[in-house]
Amino acid sequence: QTRFATNFIALQSIYKHKTELQAMVVSNEWTNCAYYKESQAKKFTKVVLDQNFWKDCATVCQLSEPIVRVLRIVDSDERPAMGYLFGAFHAAREEIVKRFQRKKDLVKPFLEYMDARWDKHFDKNLHAAGFWFNPNNQYNVELRDKYNFTTSGVLDVIERYAGKDVALRSALTKEMKIFRNEEGDFGRSTAINDCSGMLAGN
């Protein structure tokens, strides 16, 4: 994952310096240096001056940038990723769709690959539960309503791990209601202020 992010961050940096690179390969310093005559240098110069290369580079950067943000959350040591990965992945996917509204055929294989990786390598219910129990999400009305379907993921997790223990399942769903409705200790000013502070700093 880190290697993936590093590759695309490097590509973004290259694209950012497009103008400088193009100016360099037509400068006297470049054309007069000994290395300029070597085959690899000639290939490099040709690529840097190729507008199709930069067009493709821009497309890849637009596609990869939202995913790189997700990978940064996964690799971060600042906070556990579980409560944020579900929302970050879906937000990244939505951002890609938005960016390529007029190029749906181009982006379709990339989205299919993203979905396949998500389905294969992540337990969607566990990540949905992580999203649901994150106060940053649960007490943000817009996010809570947008991803309201994560409730089903929480219930699936409860049913899976509580098994046939009806009392445990009942107790857990009761706690879900208390948490969501800010009842009991969740409704105390200290808890509310802490959540507000978390939201403001997110």
C-alpha atoms as a PDB file:
ATOM      1  CA  GLN A   1       0.000   0.000   0.000  1.00  0.00           C
ATOM      2  CA  THR A   2       2.781   2.415   0.897  1.00  0.00           C
ATOM      3  CA  ARG A   3       4.616   1.570  -2.331  1.00  0.00           C
ATOM      4  CA  PHE A   4       1.427   2.217  -4.309  1.00  0.00           C
ATOM      5  CA  ALA A   5       1.006   5.631  -2.707  1.00  0.00           C
ATOM      6  CA  THR A   6       4.666   6.517  -3.190  1.00  0.00           C
ATOM      7  CA  ASN A   7       4.501   5.758  -6.923  1.00  0.00           C
ATOM      8  CA  PHE A   8       1.516   7.993  -7.494  1.00  0.00           C
ATOM      9  CA  ILE A   9       2.784  10.779  -5.258  1.00  0.00           C
ATOM     10  CA  ALA A  10       5.937  10.759  -7.391  1.00  0.00           C
ATOM     11  CA  LEU A  11       3.823  10.945 -10.553  1.00  0.00           C
ATOM     12  CA  GLN A  12       1.877  13.879  -9.131  1.00  0.00           C
ATOM     13  CA  SER A  13       5.157  15.642  -8.409  1.00  0.00           C
ATOM     14  CA  ILE A  14       6.354  15.046 -11.978  1.00  0.00           C
ATOM     15  CA  TYR A  15       3.123  16.436 -13.388  1.00  0.00           C
ATOM     16  CA  LYS A  16       3.357  19.447 -11.104  1.00  0.00           C
ATOM     17  CA  HIS A  17       6.765  20.261 -12.629  1.00  0.00           C
ATOM     18  CA  LYS A  18       5.698  19.767 -16.241  1.00  0.00           C
ATOM     19  CA  THR A  19       6.632  23.315 -17.310  1.00  0.00           C
ATOM     20  CA  GLU A  20      10.059  23.172 -15.675  1.00  0.00           C
ATOM     21  CA  LEU A  21      10.841  19.770 -17.188  1.00  0.00           C
ATOM     22  CA  GLN A  22       9.863  20.893 -20.673  1.00  0.00           C
ATOM     23  CA  ALA A  23      11.959  24.036 -20.317  1.00  0.00           C
ATOM     24  CA  MET A  24      14.912  21.959 -19.156  1.00  0.00           C
ATOM     25  CA  VAL A  25      14.970  19.562 -22.148  1.00  0.00           C
ATOM     26  CA  VAL A  26      15.074  22.431 -24.673  1.00  0.00           C
ATOM     27  CA  SER A  27      17.652  24.456 -22.763  1.00  0.00           C
ATOM     28  CA  ASN A  28      21.222  24.882 -24.018  1.00  0.00           C
ATOM     29  CA  GLU A  29      22.564  23.302 -20.833  1.00  0.00           C
ATOM     30  CA  TRP A  30      20.666  20.097 -21.605  1.00  0.00           C
ATOM     31  CA  THR A  31      21.327  19.909 -25.341  1.00  0.00           C
ATOM     32  CA  ASN A  32      25.015  20.648 -24.884  1.00  0.00           C
ATOM     33  CA  CYS A  33      25.680  18.115 -22.148  1.00  0.00           C
ATOM     34  CA  ALA A  34      27.296  14.771 -23.018  1.00  0.00           C
ATOM     35  CA  TYR A  35      24.407  12.756 -21.634  1.00  0.00           C
ATOM     36  CA  TYR A  36      21.997  14.348 -24.142  1.00  0.00           C
ATOM     37  CA  LYS A  37      23.417  12.184 -26.957  1.00  0.00           C
ATOM     38  CA  GLU A  38      22.701   8.885 -25.202  1.00  0.00           C
ATOM     39  CA  SER A  39      19.640   6.867 -26.242  1.00  0.00           C
ATOM     40  CA  GLN A  40      17.970   6.998 -22.828  1.00  0.00           C
ATOM     41  CA  ALA A  41      18.322  10.790 -22.729  1.00  0.00           C
ATOM     42  CA  LYS A  42      16.760  11.070 -26.178  1.00  0.00           C
ATOM     43  CA  LYS A  43      13.847   8.889 -25.081  1.00  0.00           C
ATOM     44  CA  PHE A  44      13.452  11.021 -21.962  1.00  0.00           C
ATOM     45  CA  THR A  45      13.420  14.230 -24.017  1.00  0.00           C
ATOM     46  CA  LYS A  46      10.864  12.781 -26.414  1.00  0.00           C
ATOM     47  CA  VAL A  47       8.538  11.774 -23.565  1.00  0.00           C
ATOM     48  CA  VAL A  48       8.800  15.128 -21.796  1.00  0.00           C
ATOM     49  CA  LEU A  49       7.825  16.935 -25.003  1.00  0.00           C
ATOM     50  CA  ASP A  50       5.007  14.489 -25.817  1.00  0.00           C
ATOM     51  CA  GLN A  51       1.642  16.138 -25.070  1.00  0.00           C
ATOM     52  CA  ASN A  52      -0.104  12.758 -25.061  1.00  0.00           C
ATOM     53  CA  PHE A  53       2.141  11.678 -22.185  1.00  0.00           C
ATOM     54  CA  TRP A  54       1.133  14.710 -20.120  1.00  0.00           C
ATOM     55  CA  LYS A  55      -2.523  14.167 -20.987  1.00  0.00           C
ATOM     56  CA  ASP A  56      -2.328  10.596 -19.725  1.00  0.00           C
ATOM     57  CA  CYS A  57      -0.351  11.751 -16.715  1.00  0.00           C
ATOM     58  CA  ALA A  58      -3.099  14.219 -15.796  1.00  0.00           C
ATOM     59  CA  THR A  59      -5.728  11.482 -16.078  1.00  0.00           C
ATOM     60  CA  VAL A  60      -3.787   9.103 -13.842  1.00  0.00           C
ATOM     61  CA  CYS A  61      -3.255  11.850 -11.261  1.00  0.00           C
ATOM     62  CA  GLN A  62      -6.963  12.675 -11.235  1.00  0.00           C
ATOM     63  CA  LEU A  63      -7.792   8.999 -10.759  1.00  0.00           C
ATOM     64  CA  SER A  64      -5.188   8.205  -8.138  1.00  0.00           C
ATOM     65  CA  GLU A  65      -5.293  11.294  -5.936  1.00  0.00           C
ATOM     66  CA  PRO A  66      -8.514  10.355  -4.057  1.00  0.00           C
ATOM     67  CA  ILE A  67      -7.208   6.809  -3.495  1.00  0.00           C
ATOM     68  CA  VAL A  68      -3.869   8.102  -2.217  1.00  0.00           C
ATOM     69  CA  ARG A  69      -5.818  10.029   0.441  1.00  0.00           C
ATOM     70  CA  VAL A  70      -7.420   6.750   1.536  1.00  0.00           C
ATOM     71  CA  LEU A  71      -4.051   4.983   1.696  1.00  0.00           C
ATOM     72  CA  ARG A  72      -2.680   7.776   3.866  1.00  0.00           C
ATOM     73  CA  ILE A  73      -5.441   7.039   6.384  1.00  0.00           C
ATOM     74  CA  VAL A  74      -4.573   3.329   6.320  1.00  0.00           C
ATOM     75  CA  ASP A  75      -0.849   3.980   6.853  1.00  0.00           C
ATOM     76  CA  SER A  76      -1.269   6.742   9.431  1.00  0.00           C
ATOM     77  CA  ASP A  77      -0.090   6.166  12.981  1.00  0.00           C
ATOM     78  CA  GLU A  78      -2.041   9.163  14.290  1.00  0.00           C
ATOM     79  CA  ARG A  79      -5.343   7.316  14.746  1.00  0.00           C
ATOM     80  CA  PRO A  80      -6.889   3.879  14.100  1.00  0.00           C
ATOM     81  CA  ALA A  81      -8.135   3.604  10.516  1.00  0.00           C
ATOM     82  CA  MET A  82     -11.147   1.360  11.210  1.00  0.00           C
ATOM     83  CA  GLY A  83     -13.595   4.169  11.986  1.00  0.00           C
ATOM     84  CA  TYR A  84     -12.566   6.218   8.963  1.00  0.00           C
ATOM     85  CA  LEU A  85     -11.763   3.789   6.142  1.00  0.00           C
ATOM     86  CA  PHE A  86     -15.344   3.014   5.120  1.00  0.00           C
ATOM     87  CA  GLY A  87     -16.301   6.660   4.686  1.00  0.00           C
ATOM     88  CA  ALA A  88     -12.967   7.545   3.081  1.00  0.00           C
ATOM     89  CA  PHE A  89     -13.247   4.779   0.486  1.00  0.00           C
ATOM     90  CA  HIS A  90     -16.792   5.720  -0.519  1.00  0.00           C
ATOM     91  CA  ALA A  91     -15.931   9.415  -0.584  1.00  0.00           C
ATOM     92  CA  ALA A  92     -12.948   8.676  -2.851  1.00  0.00           C
ATOM     93  CA  ARG A  93     -15.095   6.609  -5.185  1.00  0.00           C
ATOM     94  CA  GLU A  94     -17.716   9.345  -5.379  1.00  0.00           C
ATOM     95  CA  GLU A  95     -15.011  11.926  -6.074  1.00  0.00           C
ATOM     96  CA  ILE A  96     -13.666   9.874  -8.981  1.00  0.00           C
ATOM     97  CA  VAL A  97     -17.149   9.459 -10.455  1.00  0.00           C
ATOM     98  CA  LYS A  98     -17.693  13.211 -10.151  1.00  0.00           C
ATOM     99  CA  ARG A  99     -14.378  14.055 -11.805  1.00  0.00           C
ATOM    100  CA  PHE A 100     -15.070  11.795 -14.774  1.00  0.00           C
ATOM    101  CA  GLN A 101     -18.767  12.409 -15.379  1.00  0.00           C
ATOM    102  CA  ARG A 102     -18.067  12.940 -19.080  1.00  0.00           C
ATOM    103  CA  LYS A 103     -15.635  10.023 -19.347  1.00  0.00           C
ATOM    104  CA  LYS A 104     -17.606   7.202 -17.732  1.00  0.00           C
ATOM    105  CA  ASP A 105     -16.281   4.543 -20.104  1.00  0.00           C
ATOM    106  CA  LEU A 106     -12.709   5.557 -19.296  1.00  0.00           C
ATOM    107  CA  VAL A 107     -13.153   5.330 -15.543  1.00  0.00           C
ATOM    108  CA  LYS A 108     -15.443   2.264 -15.449  1.00  0.00           C
ATOM    109  CA  PRO A 109     -12.643  -0.389 -15.390  1.00  0.00           C
ATOM    110  CA  PHE A 110     -10.845   1.519 -12.623  1.00  0.00           C
ATOM    111  CA  LEU A 111     -13.990   1.673 -10.484  1.00  0.00           C
ATOM    112  CA  GLU A 112     -14.659  -2.015 -11.074  1.00  0.00           C
ATOM    113  CA  TYR A 113     -11.129  -2.789  -9.923  1.00  0.00           C
ATOM    114  CA  MET A 114     -11.594  -0.638  -6.816  1.00  0.00           C
ATOM    115  CA  ASP A 115     -14.846  -2.407  -5.970  1.00  0.00           C
ATOM    116  CA  ALA A 116     -13.300  -5.836  -6.512  1.00  0.00           C
ATOM    117  CA  ARG A 117     -10.392  -5.033  -4.211  1.00  0.00           C
ATOM    118  CA  TRP A 118     -12.751  -3.662  -1.564  1.00  0.00           C
ATOM    119  CA  ASP A 119     -14.973  -6.747  -1.750  1.00  0.00           C
ATOM    120  CA  LYS A 120     -12.046  -9.184  -1.670  1.00  0.00           C
ATOM    121  CA  HIS A 121      -9.757  -7.685   0.942  1.00  0.00           C
ATOM    122  CA  PHE A 122     -12.026  -5.900   3.400  1.00  0.00           C
ATOM    123  CA  ASP A 123     -14.764  -7.119   5.688  1.00  0.00           C
ATOM    124  CA  LYS A 124     -17.382  -4.578   4.644  1.00  0.00           C
ATOM    125  CA  ASN A 125     -19.603  -5.195   7.662  1.00  0.00           C
ATOM    126  CA  LEU A 126     -16.772  -4.628  10.135  1.00  0.00           C
ATOM    127  CA  HIS A 127     -15.780  -1.410   8.395  1.00  0.00           C
ATOM    128  CA  ALA A 128     -19.418  -0.324   8.238  1.00  0.00           C
ATOM    129  CA  ALA A 129     -19.616  -0.923  11.991  1.00  0.00           C
ATOM    130  CA  GLY A 130     -16.404   1.048  12.487  1.00  0.00           C
ATOM    131  CA  PHE A 131     -17.939   3.928  10.556  1.00  0.00           C
ATOM    132  CA  TRP A 132     -21.213   3.704  12.493  1.00  0.00           C
ATOM    133  CA  PHE A 133     -19.560   3.743  15.921  1.00  0.00           C
ATOM    134  CA  ASN A 134     -17.247   6.644  15.074  1.00  0.00           C
ATOM    135  CA  PRO A 135     -18.712   9.727  16.840  1.00  0.00           C
ATOM    136  CA  ASN A 136     -17.351  11.910  14.034  1.00  0.00           C
ATOM    137  CA  ASN A 137     -19.781  10.126  11.714  1.00  0.00           C
ATOM    138  CA  GLN A 138     -22.653   9.261  14.012  1.00  0.00           C
ATOM    139  CA  TYR A 139     -23.140  12.785  15.318  1.00  0.00           C
ATOM    140  CA  ASN A 140     -22.697  14.384  11.906  1.00  0.00           C
ATOM    141  CA  VAL A 141     -26.284  14.375  10.619  1.00  0.00           C
ATOM    142  CA  GLU A 142     -25.255  14.697   6.963  1.00  0.00           C
ATOM    143  CA  LEU A 143     -22.847  11.760   7.091  1.00  0.00           C
ATOM    144  CA  ARG A 144     -25.151   9.649   9.241  1.00  0.00           C
ATOM    145  CA  ASP A 145     -28.051  10.069   6.836  1.00  0.00           C
ATOM    146  CA  LYS A 146     -25.902   9.592   3.741  1.00  0.00           C
ATOM    147  CA  TYR A 147     -24.521   6.278   4.973  1.00  0.00           C
ATOM    148  CA  ASN A 148     -27.520   5.169   6.990  1.00  0.00           C
ATOM    149  CA  PHE A 149     -27.238   1.716   5.399  1.00  0.00           C
ATOM    150  CA  THR A 150     -24.207   1.048   7.624  1.00  0.00           C
ATOM    151  CA  THR A 151     -26.724   0.159  10.347  1.00  0.00           C
ATOM    152  CA  SER A 152     -27.308  -3.114   8.516  1.00  0.00           C
ATOM    153  CA  GLY A 153     -23.585  -3.800   8.680  1.00  0.00           C
ATOM    154  CA  VAL A 154     -23.587  -3.291  12.444  1.00  0.00           C
ATOM    155  CA  LEU A 155     -26.515  -5.661  12.870  1.00  0.00           C
ATOM    156  CA  ASP A 156     -24.802  -8.255  10.676  1.00  0.00           C
ATOM    157  CA  VAL A 157     -21.708  -8.058  12.880  1.00  0.00           C
ATOM    158  CA  ILE A 158     -23.810  -8.452  16.026  1.00  0.00           C
ATOM    159  CA  GLU A 159     -25.649 -11.449  14.595  1.00  0.00           C
ATOM    160  CA  ARG A 160     -22.370 -13.022  13.492  1.00  0.00           C
ATOM    161  CA  TYR A 161     -20.461 -12.668  16.748  1.00  0.00           C
ATOM    162  CA  ALA A 162     -23.301 -12.897  19.262  1.00  0.00           C
ATOM    163  CA  GLY A 163     -24.582 -16.013  17.564  1.00  0.00           C
ATOM    164  CA  LYS A 164     -27.643 -17.513  19.230  1.00  0.00           C
ATOM    165  CA  ASP A 165     -27.156 -15.543  22.444  1.00  0.00           C
ATOM    166  CA  VAL A 166     -30.448 -13.632  22.299  1.00  0.00           C
ATOM    167  CA  ALA A 167     -29.760 -11.699  25.499  1.00  0.00           C
ATOM    168  CA  LEU A 168     -26.392 -10.465  24.216  1.00  0.00           C
ATOM    169  CA  ARG A 169     -27.854  -9.465  20.875  1.00  0.00           C
ATOM    170  CA  SER A 170     -30.630  -7.577  22.640  1.00  0.00           C
ATOM    171  CA  ALA A 171     -28.171  -5.807  24.948  1.00  0.00           C
ATOM    172  CA  LEU A 172     -25.976  -4.758  22.050  1.00  0.00           C
ATOM    173  CA  THR A 173     -28.832  -3.364  19.956  1.00  0.00           C
ATOM    174  CA  LYS A 174     -30.033  -1.494  23.054  1.00  0.00           C
ATOM    175  CA  GLU A 175     -26.590   0.072  23.428  1.00  0.00           C
ATOM    176  CA  MET A 176     -26.725   1.049  19.737  1.00  0.00           C
ATOM    177  CA  LYS A 177     -29.917   2.982  20.385  1.00  0.00           C
ATOM    178  CA  ILE A 178     -28.432   4.716  23.430  1.00  0.00           C
ATOM    179  CA  PHE A 179     -25.351   5.726  21.451  1.00  0.00           C
ATOM    180  CA  ARG A 180     -27.284   6.981  18.443  1.00  0.00           C
ATOM    181  CA  ASN A 181     -29.816   8.966  20.460  1.00  0.00           C
ATOM    182  CA  GLU A 182     -27.139  10.465  22.738  1.00  0.00           C
ATOM    183  CA  GLU A 183     -28.850   8.989  25.775  1.00  0.00           C
ATOM    184  CA  GLY A 184     -27.308   8.394  29.182  1.00  0.00           C
ATOM    185  CA  ASP A 185     -23.634   9.344  29.371  1.00  0.00           C
ATOM    186  CA  PHE A 186     -23.594  10.013  25.621  1.00  0.00           C
ATOM    187  CA  GLY A 187     -25.925  12.945  26.253  1.00  0.00           C
ATOM    188  CA  ARG A 188     -23.762  14.538  28.932  1.00  0.00           C
ATOM    189  CA  SER A 189     -22.243  17.912  28.093  1.00  0.00           C
ATOM    190  CA  THR A 190     -18.714  16.516  28.388  1.00  0.00           C
ATOM    191  CA  ALA A 191     -19.387  13.837  25.767  1.00  0.00           C
ATOM    192  CA  ILE A 192     -21.191  16.277  23.458  1.00  0.00           C
ATOM    193  CA  ASN A 193     -18.414  18.868  23.709  1.00  0.00           C
ATOM    194  CA  ASP A 194     -15.754  16.236  23.089  1.00  0.00           C
ATOM    195  CA  CYS A 195     -17.579  15.036  19.965  1.00  0.00           C
ATOM    196  CA  SER A 196     -18.023  18.613  18.762  1.00  0.00           C
ATOM    197  CA  GLY A 197     -14.338  19.210  19.226  1.00  0.00           C
ATOM    198  CA  MET A 198     -13.510  16.052  17.300  1.00  0.00           C
ATOM    199  CA  LEU A 199     -15.751  17.139  14.453  1.00  0.00           C
ATOM    200  CA  ALA A 200     -14.215  20.599  14.339  1.00  0.00           C
ATOM    201  CA  GLY A 201     -10.713  19.195  14.243  1.00  0.00           C
ATOM    202  CA  ASN A 202     -11.426  16.497  11.681  1.00  0.00           C
END
